[in-house]
Amino acid sequence: MNAMPTAPQYLVEAGLPARDRDTVLGLWRGNLGQDARMTAKYEWFYLRCPHGEPLMQLLLDVPGQAHVGTASAGRRRLEWRGRELRAGVLVDLAVLPQHRSLGPALMLQQGLIAAAGEALDVLYGFPNPKAAPVFKRLGYAQPAQLVRYARVLRHAGYLRERVPRWLAPAAGWLADRVVACRDAWTRLRSPHLRSAWADQADARVDAVWSGSPKGDDVIAIRDVGHLRWRFDESPLATTRYLLVKRAHDRALQAWFAVQRIDGTLHVRDFWSVDGTDGMAAMHVGELVHAARKAGCSAVSVEMCASDAQRRGWHALHFVERSRRPVFLRWSSPQDTAASAPLFLTSADEDE
């Protein structure tokens, strides 16, 4: 006699953000961050995204008839050579502890890949480096890395681990003065600029975006609609914008979206009239000047970018601190955009 077929342990089902809100929040509880924070994220990221609802997968434990895991891909709009690309950023993988093994996680990711094959051009994510073998097994490529660069502005704390503690305050004060004088001299020799802080993105950033060269990079669309949702409406962090303008006519030349955390000014996103040709050193100089004036101890930025885009940051003495892999999986491997260089910042993540 033929053996009876064995019922599967798990099934993957497509979720709907509005319908499955309580189910997903229950799976997140105790597994992904603080409950109140994750609830706020759900309302913003899952229910109010202007680019469309995230793709969502739910993992059903068949014997128990209960959902025990979830994973999603948030919608993003990318552009390449004037063509808009439908993208999804991998987010919020959660599996209940008693079901945590490679199999359930793989099934959820495979479910997202299947859904993306019809709805998206590309999936991308920034998983833990330890997960690299799993993502490669799923057909993801790792074409680039997201690199964090930093610039110290107040040196006493930095030097405390490198010189005798009694010497650090005086050495730090001296280093601060020398570096500040160097930056002031560089700024004095640059074209005359003015910068101002703003609490929200406004229509001027659209002019900077639309008038800037996009080159051959695959890049996220950075118009005012996206910035307002990504930063201004986010309940997870307070973001401000440094607007850099020409002095003589106040025309916007560049902007930086920043968040201040424990004395460090973290640049989450940026763009300028120079586009993919690179953020000019004089614009980065205005950022450094504003950060020092605000009392920040350091400035940090993450980017996956070309040598041209990094040149202005290197000119202002930003140095590499760490890097993370970027994984992509194109729905059509033959897509000509798949071989294009990438421009990403930390804004291209979910938080």
Protein backbone atom coordinates (compact mmCIF):
# COMPACT_ATOMS: atom_id res chain seq x y z
CA MET A 1 0.00 0.00 0.00
CA ASN A 2 1.09 3.52 -0.74
CA ALA A 3 1.89 5.61 2.31
CA MET A 4 -0.43 8.48 3.03
CA PRO A 5 1.15 11.85 2.08
CA THR A 6 2.52 13.72 5.06
CA ALA A 7 0.80 17.02 5.78
CA PRO A 8 3.20 19.99 5.63
CA GLN A 9 4.34 21.50 8.92
CA TYR A 10 4.13 25.03 7.55
CA LEU A 11 2.41 26.98 4.80
CA VAL A 12 3.20 30.51 3.60
CA GLU A 13 0.25 32.80 2.91
CA ALA A 14 0.04 36.31 1.46
CA GLY A 15 -0.86 38.85 4.10
CA LEU A 16 -2.73 42.13 3.81
CA PRO A 17 -1.45 44.99 6.02
CA ALA A 18 -4.89 46.37 6.91
CA ARG A 19 -6.52 42.99 7.51
CA ASP A 20 -3.62 41.34 9.34
CA ARG A 21 -2.50 44.22 11.55
CA ASP A 22 -3.26 42.52 14.87
CA THR A 23 -1.76 39.21 13.76
CA VAL A 24 1.52 40.83 12.72
CA LEU A 25 1.77 43.01 15.83
CA GLY A 26 1.23 39.88 17.91
CA LEU A 27 4.10 38.13 16.12
CA TRP A 28 6.35 41.17 16.60
CA ARG A 29 5.58 41.46 20.31
CA GLY A 30 8.68 40.58 22.28
CA ASN A 31 10.58 39.76 19.07
CA LEU A 32 11.14 43.09 17.28
CA GLY A 33 11.86 46.16 19.37
CA GLN A 34 9.62 47.95 21.84
CA ASP A 35 5.92 47.24 21.40
CA ALA A 36 4.82 50.90 21.32
CA ARG A 37 7.52 51.78 18.82
CA MET A 38 6.62 48.87 16.54
CA THR A 39 2.93 49.73 16.68
CA ALA A 40 3.73 53.28 15.62
CA LYS A 41 5.94 51.94 12.86
CA TYR A 42 3.15 49.74 11.56
CA GLU A 43 0.68 52.61 11.28
CA TRP A 44 3.24 54.70 9.38
CA PHE A 45 5.29 52.23 7.34
CA TYR A 46 2.62 49.64 6.53
CA LEU A 47 -0.59 51.66 6.31
CA ARG A 48 0.48 55.11 5.10
CA CYS A 49 3.24 54.47 2.56
CA PRO A 50 2.56 56.60 -0.55
CA HIS A 51 4.33 54.04 -2.76
CA GLY A 52 1.82 51.27 -2.01
CA GLU A 53 1.25 48.61 0.62
CA PRO A 54 4.24 46.43 1.54
CA LEU A 55 4.31 42.86 0.32
CA MET A 56 3.62 40.69 3.34
CA GLN A 57 3.98 36.97 4.01
CA LEU A 58 2.58 35.02 6.95
CA LEU A 59 3.80 31.61 8.11
CA LEU A 60 1.05 29.23 9.17
CA ASP A 61 1.78 26.35 11.55
CA VAL A 62 -0.52 23.77 9.96
CA PRO A 63 -1.01 21.42 12.94
CA GLY A 64 -1.71 24.31 15.31
CA GLN A 65 -3.61 26.39 12.74
CA ALA A 66 -1.88 29.57 13.99
CA HIS A 67 0.42 32.08 12.35
CA VAL A 68 3.93 31.81 13.76
CA GLY A 69 6.02 34.08 11.51
CA THR A 70 5.98 37.02 9.14
CA ALA A 71 8.22 38.93 6.74
CA SER A 72 7.63 41.92 4.50
CA ALA A 73 9.07 44.07 1.74
CA GLY A 74 8.33 47.79 1.95
CA ARG A 75 7.68 49.61 -1.31
CA ARG A 76 10.33 51.89 -2.79
CA ARG A 77 10.57 53.84 -6.05
CA LEU A 78 13.92 53.64 -7.78
CA GLU A 79 15.06 55.24 -11.01
CA TRP A 80 17.57 54.24 -13.66
CA ARG A 81 18.23 56.28 -16.80
CA GLY A 82 14.80 57.90 -16.50
CA ARG A 83 12.99 54.60 -16.01
CA GLU A 84 11.12 54.06 -12.76
CA LEU A 85 11.76 50.74 -11.02
CA ARG A 86 9.42 49.08 -8.53
CA ALA A 87 11.50 48.01 -5.55
CA GLY A 88 10.98 46.39 -2.17
CA VAL A 89 13.21 46.69 0.89
CA LEU A 90 13.27 43.57 3.08
CA VAL A 91 12.00 44.28 6.60
CA ASP A 92 10.63 42.83 9.81
CA LEU A 93 11.34 39.10 9.67
CA ALA A 94 9.91 37.58 12.85
CA VAL A 95 9.35 33.94 13.79
CA LEU A 96 8.13 32.77 17.17
CA PRO A 97 10.94 31.21 19.27
CA GLN A 98 9.66 27.64 19.17
CA HIS A 99 9.58 27.73 15.37
CA ARG A 100 12.96 29.35 14.76
CA SER A 101 14.94 27.24 12.36
CA LEU A 102 16.29 27.76 8.89
CA GLY A 103 13.27 26.18 7.20
CA PRO A 104 10.55 28.65 8.30
CA ALA A 105 12.76 31.70 7.61
CA LEU A 106 13.59 30.38 4.14
CA MET A 107 9.92 29.75 3.40
CA LEU A 108 9.01 33.32 4.30
CA GLN A 109 11.76 34.73 2.11
CA GLN A 110 10.79 32.43 -0.75
CA GLY A 111 7.22 33.66 -0.40
CA LEU A 112 8.41 37.25 -0.76
CA ILE A 113 10.47 36.34 -3.81
CA ALA A 114 7.43 34.72 -5.44
CA ALA A 115 5.24 37.75 -4.69
CA ALA A 116 7.91 40.16 -5.90
CA GLY A 117 8.19 38.27 -9.21
CA GLU A 118 4.80 39.69 -10.16
CA ALA A 119 4.74 43.01 -8.30
CA LEU A 120 8.33 44.32 -8.20
CA ASP A 121 11.41 44.71 -10.34
CA VAL A 122 13.89 44.16 -7.52
CA LEU A 123 14.15 43.18 -3.86
CA TYR A 124 16.99 44.52 -1.75
CA GLY A 125 18.08 44.38 1.86
CA PHE A 126 20.84 44.86 4.39
CA PRO A 127 20.87 41.59 6.38
CA ASN A 128 23.31 40.65 9.09
CA PRO A 129 26.57 39.46 7.50
CA LYS A 130 26.01 36.06 9.15
CA ALA A 131 22.91 35.67 6.98
CA ALA A 132 24.89 36.10 3.75
CA PRO A 133 24.97 32.35 2.90
CA VAL A 134 21.19 32.14 3.27
CA PHE A 135 20.58 35.08 0.95
CA LYS A 136 23.00 33.75 -1.63
CA ARG A 137 21.19 30.42 -1.47
CA LEU A 138 17.97 32.29 -2.27
CA GLY A 139 19.49 33.81 -5.40
CA TYR A 140 20.47 37.21 -4.06
CA ALA A 141 23.64 38.88 -5.30
CA GLN A 142 25.88 41.11 -3.19
CA PRO A 143 27.04 43.78 -5.63
CA ALA A 144 27.97 46.47 -3.12
CA GLN A 145 28.30 47.53 0.51
CA LEU A 146 26.82 50.31 2.60
CA VAL A 147 29.81 52.08 4.14
CA ARG A 148 29.70 54.32 7.21
CA TYR A 149 32.01 57.33 7.25
CA ALA A 150 32.57 59.61 10.23
CA ARG A 151 34.28 62.87 11.09
CA VAL A 152 35.26 63.80 14.66
CA LEU A 153 34.59 67.42 15.67
CA ARG A 154 35.28 67.31 19.41
CA HIS A 155 38.32 65.22 20.13
CA ALA A 156 38.59 64.88 23.94
CA GLY A 157 36.36 61.80 24.14
CA TYR A 158 38.01 60.29 21.07
CA LEU A 159 41.51 60.82 22.52
CA ARG A 160 40.61 59.49 25.98
CA GLU A 161 41.16 55.94 24.69
CA ARG A 162 44.39 56.81 22.91
CA VAL A 163 46.38 59.02 25.30
CA PRO A 164 46.72 59.21 29.10
CA ARG A 165 43.36 60.26 30.53
CA TRP A 166 44.80 63.35 32.24
CA LEU A 167 46.11 64.55 28.87
CA ALA A 168 42.91 64.01 26.86
CA PRO A 169 41.07 67.28 27.76
CA ALA A 170 43.98 69.55 26.86
CA ALA A 171 44.94 67.53 23.77
CA GLY A 172 41.31 67.44 22.68
CA TRP A 173 40.93 71.22 23.09
CA LEU A 174 44.06 71.80 21.02
CA ALA A 175 42.96 69.37 18.31
CA ASP A 176 39.54 71.04 18.20
CA ARG A 177 41.10 74.48 17.65
CA VAL A 178 43.51 73.29 14.97
CA VAL A 179 40.86 71.40 13.03
CA ALA A 180 38.33 74.23 13.36
CA CYS A 181 40.86 76.71 11.97
CA ARG A 182 41.63 74.42 9.06
CA ASP A 183 37.92 74.02 8.26
CA ALA A 184 37.35 77.78 8.55
CA TRP A 185 40.18 78.47 6.10
CA THR A 186 38.77 75.91 3.62
CA ARG A 187 35.31 77.42 3.92
CA LEU A 188 36.65 80.96 3.47
CA ARG A 189 38.24 79.95 0.16
CA SER A 190 35.05 78.28 -1.13
CA PRO A 191 32.19 80.00 -3.00
CA HIS A 192 29.94 81.99 -0.69
CA LEU A 193 27.17 79.80 0.74
CA ARG A 194 24.55 80.11 3.43
CA SER A 195 22.84 77.30 5.31
CA ALA A 196 19.70 77.14 7.42
CA TRP A 197 17.80 74.51 9.36
CA ALA A 198 14.28 73.38 8.43
CA ASP A 199 11.94 70.99 10.21
CA GLN A 200 10.21 69.74 7.06
CA ALA A 201 11.00 69.16 3.41
CA ASP A 202 9.48 71.72 1.07
CA ALA A 203 8.96 72.19 -2.64
CA ARG A 204 12.49 73.50 -3.20
CA VAL A 205 13.93 69.99 -2.91
CA ASP A 206 11.91 68.98 -5.97
CA ALA A 207 13.76 71.56 -8.04
CA VAL A 208 17.09 70.22 -6.80
CA TRP A 209 16.05 66.65 -7.59
CA SER A 210 14.53 67.30 -11.02
CA GLY A 211 17.40 69.52 -12.18
CA SER A 212 20.26 67.28 -11.05
CA PRO A 213 22.11 64.68 -13.17
CA LYS A 214 21.17 61.09 -12.34
CA GLY A 215 23.95 59.43 -14.33
CA ASP A 216 23.93 55.66 -14.74
CA ASP A 217 23.23 54.76 -11.10
CA VAL A 218 20.19 52.93 -9.82
CA ILE A 219 18.94 55.42 -7.26
CA ALA A 220 15.91 56.03 -5.04
CA ILE A 221 13.63 58.88 -6.12
CA ARG A 222 14.21 61.70 -3.65
CA ASP A 223 11.33 64.06 -4.31
CA VAL A 224 9.48 66.03 -1.66
CA GLY A 225 6.64 63.51 -1.44
CA HIS A 226 9.02 60.73 -0.52
CA LEU A 227 10.97 62.84 1.97
CA ARG A 228 7.84 64.00 3.76
CA TRP A 229 6.69 60.40 4.26
CA ARG A 230 10.12 58.90 4.94
CA PHE A 231 11.21 61.51 7.48
CA ASP A 232 8.61 64.15 8.35
CA GLU A 233 5.77 61.70 9.03
CA SER A 234 7.89 59.03 10.66
CA PRO A 235 7.07 58.51 14.36
CA LEU A 236 10.39 56.75 14.98
CA ALA A 237 12.85 59.64 14.94
CA THR A 238 13.03 63.41 14.64
CA THR A 239 14.67 64.52 11.41
CA ARG A 240 15.80 68.02 10.46
CA TYR A 241 17.12 69.33 7.18
CA LEU A 242 20.17 71.45 6.62
CA LEU A 243 19.47 73.53 3.50
CA VAL A 244 22.56 74.85 1.73
CA LYS A 245 21.95 77.87 -0.51
CA ARG A 246 23.94 80.23 -2.69
CA ALA A 247 24.53 83.43 -0.76
CA HIS A 248 23.66 85.90 -3.53
CA ASP A 249 20.24 84.56 -4.56
CA ARG A 250 19.38 82.00 -1.83
CA ALA A 251 18.87 79.26 -4.45
CA LEU A 252 18.95 75.82 -2.85
CA GLN A 253 22.08 73.89 -3.82
CA ALA A 254 22.07 70.89 -1.46
CA TRP A 255 20.24 69.39 1.49
CA PHE A 256 21.05 66.94 4.26
CA ALA A 257 18.43 65.03 6.27
CA VAL A 258 19.95 64.53 9.73
CA GLN A 259 19.16 63.05 13.12
CA ARG A 260 21.07 63.93 16.26
CA ILE A 261 21.73 61.03 18.64
CA ASP A 262 23.99 61.29 21.71
CA GLY A 263 25.95 64.22 20.35
CA THR A 264 26.54 62.74 16.89
CA LEU A 265 24.84 64.21 13.83
CA HIS A 266 23.80 61.26 11.67
CA VAL A 267 23.22 62.11 8.02
CA ARG A 268 20.40 59.84 6.87
CA ASP A 269 20.08 61.20 3.35
CA PHE A 270 21.43 63.94 1.09
CA TRP A 271 21.31 65.30 -2.42
CA SER A 272 22.56 68.29 -4.38
CA VAL A 273 22.38 70.04 -7.72
CA ASP A 274 25.42 67.96 -8.70
CA GLY A 275 23.42 64.73 -8.38
CA THR A 276 25.38 61.56 -9.00
CA ASP A 277 28.40 63.62 -10.04
CA GLY A 278 29.03 63.90 -6.31
CA MET A 279 28.25 66.02 -3.28
CA ALA A 280 30.66 68.96 -3.58
CA ALA A 281 33.20 69.49 -0.83
CA MET A 282 31.89 73.01 -0.24
CA HIS A 283 28.43 71.60 0.52
CA VAL A 284 29.87 69.03 2.94
CA GLY A 285 31.84 71.88 4.49
CA GLU A 286 28.61 73.69 5.27
CA LEU A 287 27.34 70.55 6.99
CA VAL A 288 30.50 70.30 9.12
CA HIS A 289 30.27 74.00 10.00
CA ALA A 290 26.60 73.68 11.04
CA ALA A 291 27.29 70.55 13.09
CA ARG A 292 30.14 72.23 14.96
CA LYS A 293 28.02 75.31 15.58
CA ALA A 294 25.25 73.07 16.98
CA GLY A 295 27.71 71.54 19.47
CA CYS A 296 27.91 68.10 17.89
CA SER A 297 30.90 65.94 18.71
CA ALA A 298 30.93 64.06 15.38
CA VAL A 299 29.18 63.65 12.03
CA SER A 300 28.35 60.27 10.52
CA VAL A 301 26.99 59.22 7.12
CA GLU A 302 26.28 55.90 5.41
CA MET A 303 26.32 55.43 1.65
CA CYS A 304 26.74 52.95 -1.13
CA ALA A 305 28.14 55.26 -3.76
CA SER A 306 30.64 55.82 -6.54
CA ASP A 307 34.09 57.32 -6.07
CA ALA A 308 32.77 60.61 -7.45
CA GLN A 309 30.00 60.72 -4.84
CA ARG A 310 32.42 60.04 -1.99
CA ARG A 311 35.06 62.53 -3.12
CA GLY A 312 33.52 65.57 -1.44
CA TRP A 313 33.24 63.71 1.87
CA HIS A 314 36.84 62.53 1.74
CA ALA A 315 37.95 66.10 1.03
CA LEU A 316 36.42 67.10 4.38
CA HIS A 317 38.29 64.26 6.11
CA PHE A 318 35.50 61.74 6.59
CA VAL A 319 37.01 58.30 7.15
CA GLU A 320 35.52 54.83 6.90
CA ARG A 321 34.33 53.24 10.16
CA SER A 322 32.32 50.18 9.13
CA ARG A 323 30.47 48.52 6.25
CA ARG A 324 27.47 46.28 5.67
CA PRO A 325 26.60 44.09 2.68
CA VAL A 326 23.81 45.08 0.29
CA PHE A 327 21.89 42.19 -1.28
CA LEU A 328 19.70 42.45 -4.38
CA ARG A 329 17.52 40.01 -6.27
CA TRP A 330 16.10 41.12 -9.59
CA SER A 331 12.83 39.60 -10.74
CA SER A 332 14.35 39.42 -14.21
CA PRO A 333 18.09 38.71 -14.08
CA GLN A 334 18.28 39.88 -17.71
CA ASP A 335 17.11 43.38 -16.72
CA THR A 336 19.78 45.79 -17.96
CA ALA A 337 19.49 47.78 -14.72
CA ALA A 338 20.78 44.76 -12.79
CA SER A 339 24.36 45.52 -13.80
CA ALA A 340 24.18 49.25 -13.05
CA PRO A 341 26.01 50.83 -10.09
CA LEU A 342 24.00 51.65 -6.96
CA PHE A 343 23.50 54.79 -4.95
CA LEU A 344 21.98 54.10 -1.52
CA THR A 345 21.96 55.79 1.87
CA SER A 346 20.60 54.71 5.24
CA ALA A 347 17.31 56.38 4.19
CA ASP A 348 16.83 53.48 1.80
CA GLU A 349 16.28 51.19 4.80
CA ASP A 350 12.98 51.05 6.65
CA GLU A 351 13.83 53.23 9.67
